[in-house]
Amino acid sequence: MAQAAHDTLAALYRSQKLIFDQALADDLLRVTSERQKTNGIAFGKQIAAAILASRVGDGSEGPEVHLGVDYSTSNLPGHWRQDPISRIPIALGAHWGACKPFVIKSGTQFQAPAPPTLTSAAYTTAFNEAKRFGGDGIHTATQRTPEETFIGVFWAYDGTPSLCAPPRLYNQITVHIADQTKLSAVELARLLALVNVGMADTAIAVWESKYTYDFWRPITAIRESDPGTGPTRRGDGNDATVGDPTFTPLGAPASNLVGPNFTPPFPAYPSGHAGFGGAVFETIRRFYGTDHLGFTFVSDEFNGVTKDNEGNVRPYMPRSFSTLSQAEEENGQSRIYLGIHWHFDKTAGIAQGRRIADYIFNHAFLPDEGK
């Protein structure tokens, strides 16, 4: 397993090969039988080569597209546009939905249903929730509690230095639970395969839905809600929403960076965090056969080392969960507390991730395979 992991990682992240080389060397030192080591290395190389060959031409190697260069956004109400605060100039993952999945048949197989219309009661409720709880508390007032602010940051992992993207967080939780339940190496390998392939296919499906529906983020929607605002000056057409042309969300935390928090540079619906969480926690539920699996976890956002965007070290703060569903729900809700997602982003994302996890659990990495 160490050799297979090394070879696949080194192929994907060539600039970090020396790190993977050292990790492999450390692992191989623990294998005392030269015969077992030689055979294991050969088998690991064979598996890695087969996996890498199977992914050639899968669509994952295309460059990110740049706004105003090779990607144009719509000026119409309801459509995603660039974050006016961070001005990040890309449409992240614009073509990811066309990638070849690992187990599901296509990015559209489990496509999310259409989001609510701008004049619907569901949209109005979600609008008011995001406006009420999502403000930064400095430029925009908020009713968010200190604990809810903590929750928003706890689950973030928004691609900043030393944190990486959300899948790292969910792998940390999975391994933590596996250690807690004392899984064998073979059981852990199966669980990690299910979890990571689940997240990989969920990412493809969620991003396909994101760019299909192209739904705007709260910062754009709240600033452009009223007539006379936005590029078309039309507002959102909903008399029940009241805009704020200077609405500033708490935002995805710019951890270990200097600069403003930000709204992620891609459409809102459905939520990627919620989708990943739905896939991961449903997989763990299916694997253990129960939702009642409590755990206490320390997010690297609050590990006593990570700094906020003003250079302050955040404290070491563990958080406990009594069930997987509690963690799954809080993970999705965290994005609303940051002011970067809607309630329906959360519910659709969780549902989409769960459906994909169930499909993969029923069709791949079955426990009797290879016997």
Protein backbone atom coordinates (compact mmCIF):
# COMPACT_ATOMS: atom_id res chain seq x y z
CA MET A 1 0.00 0.00 0.00
CA ALA A 2 2.86 2.39 0.79
CA GLN A 3 4.44 1.92 -2.65
CA ALA A 4 1.12 2.29 -4.45
CA ALA A 5 0.33 5.45 -2.50
CA HIS A 6 3.80 6.85 -3.19
CA ASP A 7 3.68 6.24 -6.93
CA THR A 8 0.22 7.71 -7.44
CA LEU A 9 0.93 10.76 -5.29
CA ALA A 10 4.30 11.37 -6.94
CA ALA A 11 2.65 11.23 -10.36
CA LEU A 12 -0.06 13.70 -9.36
CA TYR A 13 2.05 16.11 -7.29
CA ARG A 14 5.47 16.03 -8.89
CA SER A 15 6.82 19.03 -6.99
CA GLN A 16 6.37 17.14 -3.70
CA LYS A 17 8.11 13.93 -4.76
CA LEU A 18 10.92 14.28 -2.19
CA ILE A 19 8.34 14.38 0.61
CA PHE A 20 6.69 11.21 -0.71
CA ASP A 21 10.09 9.53 -1.12
CA GLN A 22 10.90 10.13 2.53
CA ALA A 23 7.49 8.92 3.70
CA LEU A 24 7.91 5.73 1.65
CA ALA A 25 11.40 5.13 3.03
CA ASP A 26 10.12 5.54 6.59
CA ASP A 27 7.28 3.08 5.97
CA LEU A 28 9.51 0.47 4.33
CA LEU A 29 11.89 0.52 7.30
CA ARG A 30 9.11 -1.06 9.35
CA VAL A 31 8.94 -4.12 7.07
CA THR A 32 11.58 -6.52 8.39
CA SER A 33 11.16 -9.35 5.86
CA GLU A 34 13.12 -8.56 2.69
CA ARG A 35 11.01 -10.99 0.68
CA GLN A 36 7.75 -9.42 1.82
CA LYS A 37 9.16 -5.96 1.18
CA THR A 38 10.31 -6.83 -2.35
CA ASN A 39 7.01 -8.49 -3.24
CA GLY A 40 5.01 -5.64 -1.72
CA ILE A 41 6.95 -3.00 -3.62
CA ALA A 42 6.45 -4.83 -6.91
CA PHE A 43 2.73 -5.30 -6.32
CA GLY A 44 2.28 -1.68 -5.22
CA LYS A 45 4.02 -0.43 -8.36
CA GLN A 46 1.79 -2.63 -10.50
CA ILE A 47 -1.40 -1.36 -8.87
CA ALA A 48 -0.34 2.29 -9.07
CA ALA A 49 0.55 1.96 -12.74
CA ALA A 50 -2.82 0.37 -13.49
CA ILE A 51 -4.74 3.09 -11.63
CA LEU A 52 -2.81 5.89 -13.33
CA ALA A 53 -3.29 4.28 -16.74
CA SER A 54 -7.03 4.00 -16.14
CA ARG A 55 -7.25 7.76 -15.56
CA VAL A 56 -5.40 8.91 -18.68
CA GLY A 57 -7.64 11.34 -20.56
CA ASP A 58 -10.17 11.59 -17.74
CA GLY A 59 -10.54 15.37 -18.16
CA SER A 60 -8.87 16.34 -14.90
CA GLU A 61 -5.75 17.96 -16.35
CA GLY A 62 -7.29 21.00 -18.02
CA PRO A 63 -6.24 24.44 -16.74
CA GLU A 64 -8.55 26.61 -14.68
CA VAL A 65 -10.47 29.16 -16.73
CA HIS A 66 -10.11 32.90 -16.18
CA LEU A 67 -12.99 35.33 -15.95
CA GLY A 68 -13.16 37.70 -18.88
CA VAL A 69 -10.61 35.66 -20.81
CA ASP A 70 -11.99 32.19 -21.44
CA TYR A 71 -15.08 32.32 -19.22
CA SER A 72 -17.89 34.88 -19.18
CA THR A 73 -20.43 35.32 -16.40
CA SER A 74 -24.05 36.40 -16.84
CA ASN A 75 -25.33 39.80 -15.70
CA LEU A 76 -28.85 38.46 -15.15
CA PRO A 77 -30.31 38.27 -11.63
CA GLY A 78 -29.74 34.90 -9.98
CA HIS A 79 -26.51 34.11 -11.81
CA TRP A 80 -23.07 33.71 -10.27
CA ARG A 81 -20.58 36.52 -10.64
CA GLN A 82 -17.11 37.32 -9.31
CA ASP A 83 -16.70 38.01 -5.59
CA PRO A 84 -16.51 41.83 -5.38
CA ILE A 85 -14.24 41.68 -2.31
CA SER A 86 -11.49 39.20 -3.19
CA ARG A 87 -11.81 39.64 -6.97
CA ILE A 88 -10.45 36.12 -7.49
CA PRO A 89 -10.23 36.01 -11.31
CA ILE A 90 -11.07 32.36 -12.01
CA ALA A 91 -14.13 30.14 -12.34
CA LEU A 92 -12.75 27.28 -10.27
CA GLY A 93 -13.68 23.84 -11.59
CA ALA A 94 -15.75 25.16 -14.49
CA HIS A 95 -15.12 21.97 -16.49
CA TRP A 96 -14.80 19.53 -13.59
CA GLY A 97 -18.31 18.21 -14.06
CA ALA A 98 -17.24 16.70 -17.39
CA CYS A 99 -14.48 14.60 -15.80
CA LYS A 100 -14.76 10.83 -16.00
CA PRO A 101 -16.02 9.52 -12.64
CA PHE A 102 -14.52 6.54 -10.84
CA VAL A 103 -17.72 4.58 -10.10
CA ILE A 104 -20.84 6.55 -10.98
CA LYS A 105 -21.67 6.64 -14.67
CA SER A 106 -21.43 10.39 -15.29
CA GLY A 107 -21.53 13.75 -13.58
CA THR A 108 -25.22 14.02 -14.43
CA GLN A 109 -26.32 10.65 -13.01
CA PHE A 110 -27.11 12.19 -9.62
CA GLN A 111 -27.64 15.79 -10.70
CA ALA A 112 -29.18 18.02 -8.04
CA PRO A 113 -32.72 19.29 -8.74
CA ALA A 114 -33.07 22.91 -9.79
CA PRO A 115 -32.68 25.48 -6.98
CA PRO A 116 -35.69 27.52 -5.82
CA THR A 117 -36.79 30.40 -8.02
CA LEU A 118 -35.93 33.91 -6.84
CA THR A 119 -39.56 34.71 -6.01
CA SER A 120 -40.25 31.51 -4.06
CA ALA A 121 -40.83 31.25 -0.32
CA ALA A 122 -37.87 28.86 -0.02
CA TYR A 123 -35.54 31.42 -1.56
CA THR A 124 -36.90 34.22 0.61
CA THR A 125 -36.35 32.16 3.77
CA ALA A 126 -32.82 31.24 2.72
CA PHE A 127 -32.07 34.85 1.76
CA ASN A 128 -33.12 36.12 5.17
CA GLU A 129 -31.13 33.42 6.97
CA ALA A 130 -27.94 34.21 5.07
CA LYS A 131 -28.41 37.94 5.61
CA ARG A 132 -29.18 37.51 9.32
CA PHE A 133 -26.35 35.13 10.21
CA GLY A 134 -23.74 35.63 7.49
CA GLY A 135 -22.48 39.17 8.06
CA ASP A 136 -18.90 39.78 9.13
CA GLY A 137 -19.94 41.64 12.29
CA ILE A 138 -17.78 44.63 11.36
CA HIS A 139 -19.13 46.16 8.17
CA THR A 140 -22.37 44.17 8.33
CA ALA A 141 -24.28 43.36 11.52
CA THR A 142 -24.91 39.72 12.35
CA GLN A 143 -27.07 37.67 14.71
CA ARG A 144 -24.52 34.84 14.59
CA THR A 145 -23.33 33.71 18.04
CA PRO A 146 -19.65 33.23 18.94
CA GLU A 147 -20.18 29.46 18.81
CA GLU A 148 -21.70 29.73 15.33
CA THR A 149 -18.73 31.81 14.20
CA PHE A 150 -16.45 29.08 15.57
CA ILE A 151 -18.47 26.44 13.68
CA GLY A 152 -18.14 28.38 10.44
CA VAL A 153 -14.35 28.48 10.70
CA PHE A 154 -13.95 24.99 12.24
CA TRP A 155 -15.13 23.24 9.06
CA ALA A 156 -13.59 25.64 6.53
CA TYR A 157 -10.32 24.31 5.01
CA ASP A 158 -10.79 26.63 2.04
CA GLY A 159 -7.57 25.83 0.20
CA THR A 160 -5.31 28.12 2.23
CA PRO A 161 -1.67 27.31 3.18
CA SER A 162 -1.14 24.30 5.49
CA LEU A 163 -4.86 23.47 5.42
CA CYS A 164 -5.58 22.37 1.86
CA ALA A 165 -9.09 21.69 0.59
CA PRO A 166 -12.07 20.13 2.42
CA PRO A 167 -11.30 16.49 1.44
CA ARG A 168 -8.25 16.67 3.73
CA LEU A 169 -10.52 17.53 6.66
CA TYR A 170 -12.86 14.62 5.94
CA ASN A 171 -9.94 12.21 5.61
CA GLN A 172 -8.65 13.37 8.99
CA ILE A 173 -12.05 12.68 10.54
CA THR A 174 -12.30 9.28 8.84
CA VAL A 175 -8.86 8.20 10.07
CA HIS A 176 -9.66 9.53 13.55
CA ILE A 177 -12.81 7.39 13.70
CA ALA A 178 -10.92 4.39 12.28
CA ASP A 179 -8.27 4.72 14.98
CA GLN A 180 -10.97 5.05 17.61
CA THR A 181 -12.63 1.83 16.42
CA LYS A 182 -9.31 0.00 15.90
CA LEU A 183 -9.82 -1.01 12.26
CA SER A 184 -7.35 -3.43 10.72
CA ALA A 185 -5.13 -2.25 7.87
CA VAL A 186 -7.32 -4.03 5.32
CA GLU A 187 -10.52 -2.57 6.77
CA LEU A 188 -8.99 0.90 6.83
CA ALA A 189 -7.88 0.58 3.21
CA ARG A 190 -11.44 -0.31 2.18
CA LEU A 191 -12.95 2.53 4.20
CA LEU A 192 -10.52 5.09 2.77
CA ALA A 193 -11.16 3.82 -0.75
CA LEU A 194 -14.91 4.21 -0.27
CA VAL A 195 -14.58 7.65 1.30
CA ASN A 196 -12.14 9.09 -1.22
CA VAL A 197 -13.74 7.68 -4.34
CA GLY A 198 -17.03 8.89 -2.90
CA MET A 199 -15.64 12.40 -2.55
CA ALA A 200 -14.03 12.28 -5.99
CA ASP A 201 -17.27 11.33 -7.72
CA THR A 202 -19.26 13.73 -5.55
CA ALA A 203 -16.96 16.57 -6.60
CA ILE A 204 -17.62 15.77 -10.25
CA ALA A 205 -21.39 15.62 -9.71
CA VAL A 206 -21.59 18.70 -7.48
CA TRP A 207 -19.49 20.82 -9.82
CA GLU A 208 -21.56 19.64 -12.79
CA SER A 209 -24.66 20.87 -10.95
CA LYS A 210 -22.96 24.10 -9.87
CA TYR A 211 -22.16 25.20 -13.39
CA THR A 212 -25.45 23.88 -14.79
CA TYR A 213 -27.51 26.10 -12.47
CA ASP A 214 -24.94 28.92 -12.12
CA PHE A 215 -26.64 30.20 -8.96
CA TRP A 216 -25.42 33.36 -7.30
CA ARG A 217 -23.73 33.64 -3.93
CA PRO A 218 -25.22 35.59 -1.00
CA ILE A 219 -22.82 38.53 -1.39
CA THR A 220 -24.10 39.18 -4.91
CA ALA A 221 -27.73 38.36 -4.18
CA ILE A 222 -28.02 40.52 -1.07
CA ARG A 223 -26.19 43.47 -2.64
CA GLU A 224 -28.33 43.26 -5.78
CA SER A 225 -31.73 42.35 -4.36
CA ASP A 226 -33.52 45.67 -4.67
CA PRO A 227 -34.71 47.38 -7.88
CA GLY A 228 -32.05 49.73 -9.21
CA THR A 229 -29.17 47.47 -8.19
CA GLY A 230 -27.06 44.99 -10.12
CA PRO A 231 -25.88 45.14 -13.74
CA THR A 232 -29.44 45.07 -15.10
CA ARG A 233 -30.83 47.40 -12.38
CA ARG A 234 -33.74 44.97 -12.02
CA GLY A 235 -33.07 43.55 -8.57
CA ASP A 236 -34.23 40.00 -7.87
CA GLY A 237 -37.93 40.61 -8.57
CA ASN A 238 -38.88 39.47 -5.05
CA ASP A 239 -40.77 42.05 -2.97
CA ALA A 240 -40.16 39.99 0.18
CA THR A 241 -36.37 40.35 0.10
CA VAL A 242 -34.68 43.52 1.33
CA GLY A 243 -31.18 44.07 0.04
CA ASP A 244 -28.05 45.61 1.49
CA PRO A 245 -25.76 47.12 -1.17
CA THR A 246 -22.75 46.90 1.16
CA PHE A 247 -23.38 43.41 2.59
CA THR A 248 -20.06 41.92 3.66
CA PRO A 249 -20.06 38.24 4.67
CA LEU A 250 -17.79 36.73 7.28
CA GLY A 251 -16.44 34.78 4.31
CA ALA A 252 -14.29 31.72 3.88
CA PRO A 253 -11.39 32.30 6.28
CA ALA A 254 -8.10 33.38 4.73
CA SER A 255 -6.22 31.23 7.24
CA ASN A 256 -2.43 31.57 7.23
CA LEU A 257 -2.76 34.40 4.71
CA VAL A 258 -2.76 38.19 4.83
CA GLY A 259 -5.79 39.68 3.13
CA PRO A 260 -9.58 39.59 3.25
CA ASN A 261 -11.75 36.55 3.79
CA PHE A 262 -13.44 35.57 0.54
CA THR A 263 -16.37 33.94 -1.20
CA PRO A 264 -15.21 30.85 -3.14
CA PRO A 265 -14.84 31.50 -6.89
CA PHE A 266 -17.59 29.27 -8.27
CA PRO A 267 -21.40 29.08 -8.17
CA ALA A 268 -23.22 28.41 -4.91
CA TYR A 269 -25.66 25.58 -5.62
CA PRO A 270 -25.24 22.92 -4.37
CA SER A 271 -22.66 23.26 -1.61
CA GLY A 272 -19.40 21.37 -2.12
CA HIS A 273 -18.79 21.12 1.63
CA ALA A 274 -22.29 19.72 2.16
CA GLY A 275 -21.83 17.30 -0.74
CA PHE A 276 -18.52 16.02 0.58
CA GLY A 277 -19.95 15.74 4.07
CA GLY A 278 -23.01 13.87 2.82
CA ALA A 279 -20.80 11.41 0.94
CA VAL A 280 -18.31 10.88 3.75
CA PHE A 281 -20.68 10.56 6.68
CA GLU A 282 -23.08 8.35 4.72
CA THR A 283 -20.15 6.10 3.78
CA ILE A 284 -19.06 5.85 7.41
CA ARG A 285 -22.67 5.15 8.44
CA ARG A 286 -22.93 2.34 5.90
CA PHE A 287 -19.50 0.95 6.80
CA TYR A 288 -20.20 0.71 10.54
CA GLY A 289 -23.94 0.13 10.26
CA THR A 290 -24.86 2.92 12.67
CA ASP A 291 -25.22 6.68 12.91
CA HIS A 292 -24.43 6.60 16.63
CA LEU A 293 -20.69 6.93 16.35
CA GLY A 294 -19.52 9.75 18.59
CA PHE A 295 -16.12 11.37 18.22
CA THR A 296 -14.09 14.37 19.37
CA PHE A 297 -11.97 16.06 16.74
CA VAL A 298 -9.51 18.94 16.47
CA SER A 299 -9.80 20.88 13.21
CA ASP A 300 -6.55 22.31 11.88
CA GLU A 301 -8.39 25.64 11.77
CA PHE A 302 -8.24 25.52 15.60
CA ASN A 303 -5.11 23.50 16.34
CA GLY A 304 -3.16 26.13 18.27
CA VAL A 305 -0.92 26.74 15.24
CA THR A 306 -3.05 28.10 12.38
CA LYS A 307 -3.32 31.89 12.15
CA ASP A 308 -6.21 34.06 11.08
CA ASN A 309 -5.76 36.68 8.38
CA GLU A 310 -4.57 39.23 10.93
CA GLY A 311 -1.74 37.00 12.13
CA ASN A 312 -3.40 35.86 15.36
CA VAL A 313 -2.86 32.21 16.30
CA ARG A 314 -6.21 30.52 16.80
CA PRO A 315 -6.53 28.47 20.01
CA TYR A 316 -6.55 24.69 20.32
CA MET A 317 -10.26 23.83 20.49
CA PRO A 318 -11.57 20.24 20.15
CA ARG A 319 -15.22 19.73 19.23
CA SER A 320 -17.36 16.71 20.08
CA PHE A 321 -20.19 15.05 18.16
CA SER A 322 -22.58 12.38 19.43
CA THR A 323 -23.69 11.16 15.99
CA LEU A 324 -22.48 11.26 12.41
CA SER A 325 -25.64 13.13 11.41
CA GLN A 326 -24.83 15.89 13.87
CA ALA A 327 -21.41 16.40 12.29
CA GLU A 328 -22.87 16.16 8.77
CA GLU A 329 -25.49 18.81 9.46
CA GLU A 330 -23.07 21.15 11.23
CA ASN A 331 -20.58 20.84 8.38
CA GLY A 332 -23.23 21.98 5.90
CA GLN A 333 -24.60 24.72 8.16
CA SER A 334 -21.11 26.13 8.71
CA ARG A 335 -21.13 27.60 5.21
CA ILE A 336 -24.29 29.57 5.98
CA TYR A 337 -22.64 31.03 9.08
CA LEU A 338 -19.80 32.23 6.85
CA GLY A 339 -22.34 34.02 4.64
CA ILE A 340 -21.24 32.20 1.50
CA HIS A 341 -24.05 29.65 1.01
CA TRP A 342 -27.81 29.21 1.12
CA HIS A 343 -29.89 26.75 3.14
CA PHE A 344 -30.92 24.92 -0.03
CA ASP A 345 -27.25 24.62 -1.04
CA LYS A 346 -26.76 22.65 2.16
CA THR A 347 -29.77 20.34 1.88
CA ALA A 348 -29.24 19.58 -1.82
CA GLY A 349 -25.52 18.99 -1.30
CA ILE A 350 -26.04 16.55 1.56
CA ALA A 351 -28.70 14.67 -0.39
CA GLN A 352 -26.53 14.47 -3.51
CA GLY A 353 -23.48 13.26 -1.56
CA ARG A 354 -25.52 10.61 0.26
CA ARG A 355 -26.99 9.23 -2.96
CA ILE A 356 -23.55 8.94 -4.53
CA ALA A 357 -22.10 7.32 -1.41
CA ASP A 358 -24.90 4.74 -1.36
CA TYR A 359 -24.38 3.93 -5.03
CA ILE A 360 -20.64 3.45 -4.57
CA PHE A 361 -21.07 1.42 -1.38
CA ASN A 362 -23.42 -0.93 -3.24
CA HIS A 363 -21.31 -1.24 -6.40
CA ALA A 364 -17.62 -0.98 -5.51
CA PHE A 365 -15.04 -2.14 -2.97
CA LEU A 366 -17.36 -4.87 -1.75
CA PRO A 367 -15.94 -6.70 1.29
CA ASP A 368 -15.80 -10.11 -0.43
CA GLU A 369 -14.01 -8.88 -3.57
CA GLY A 370 -10.67 -10.57 -4.15
CA LYS A 371 -11.37 -13.52 -1.88
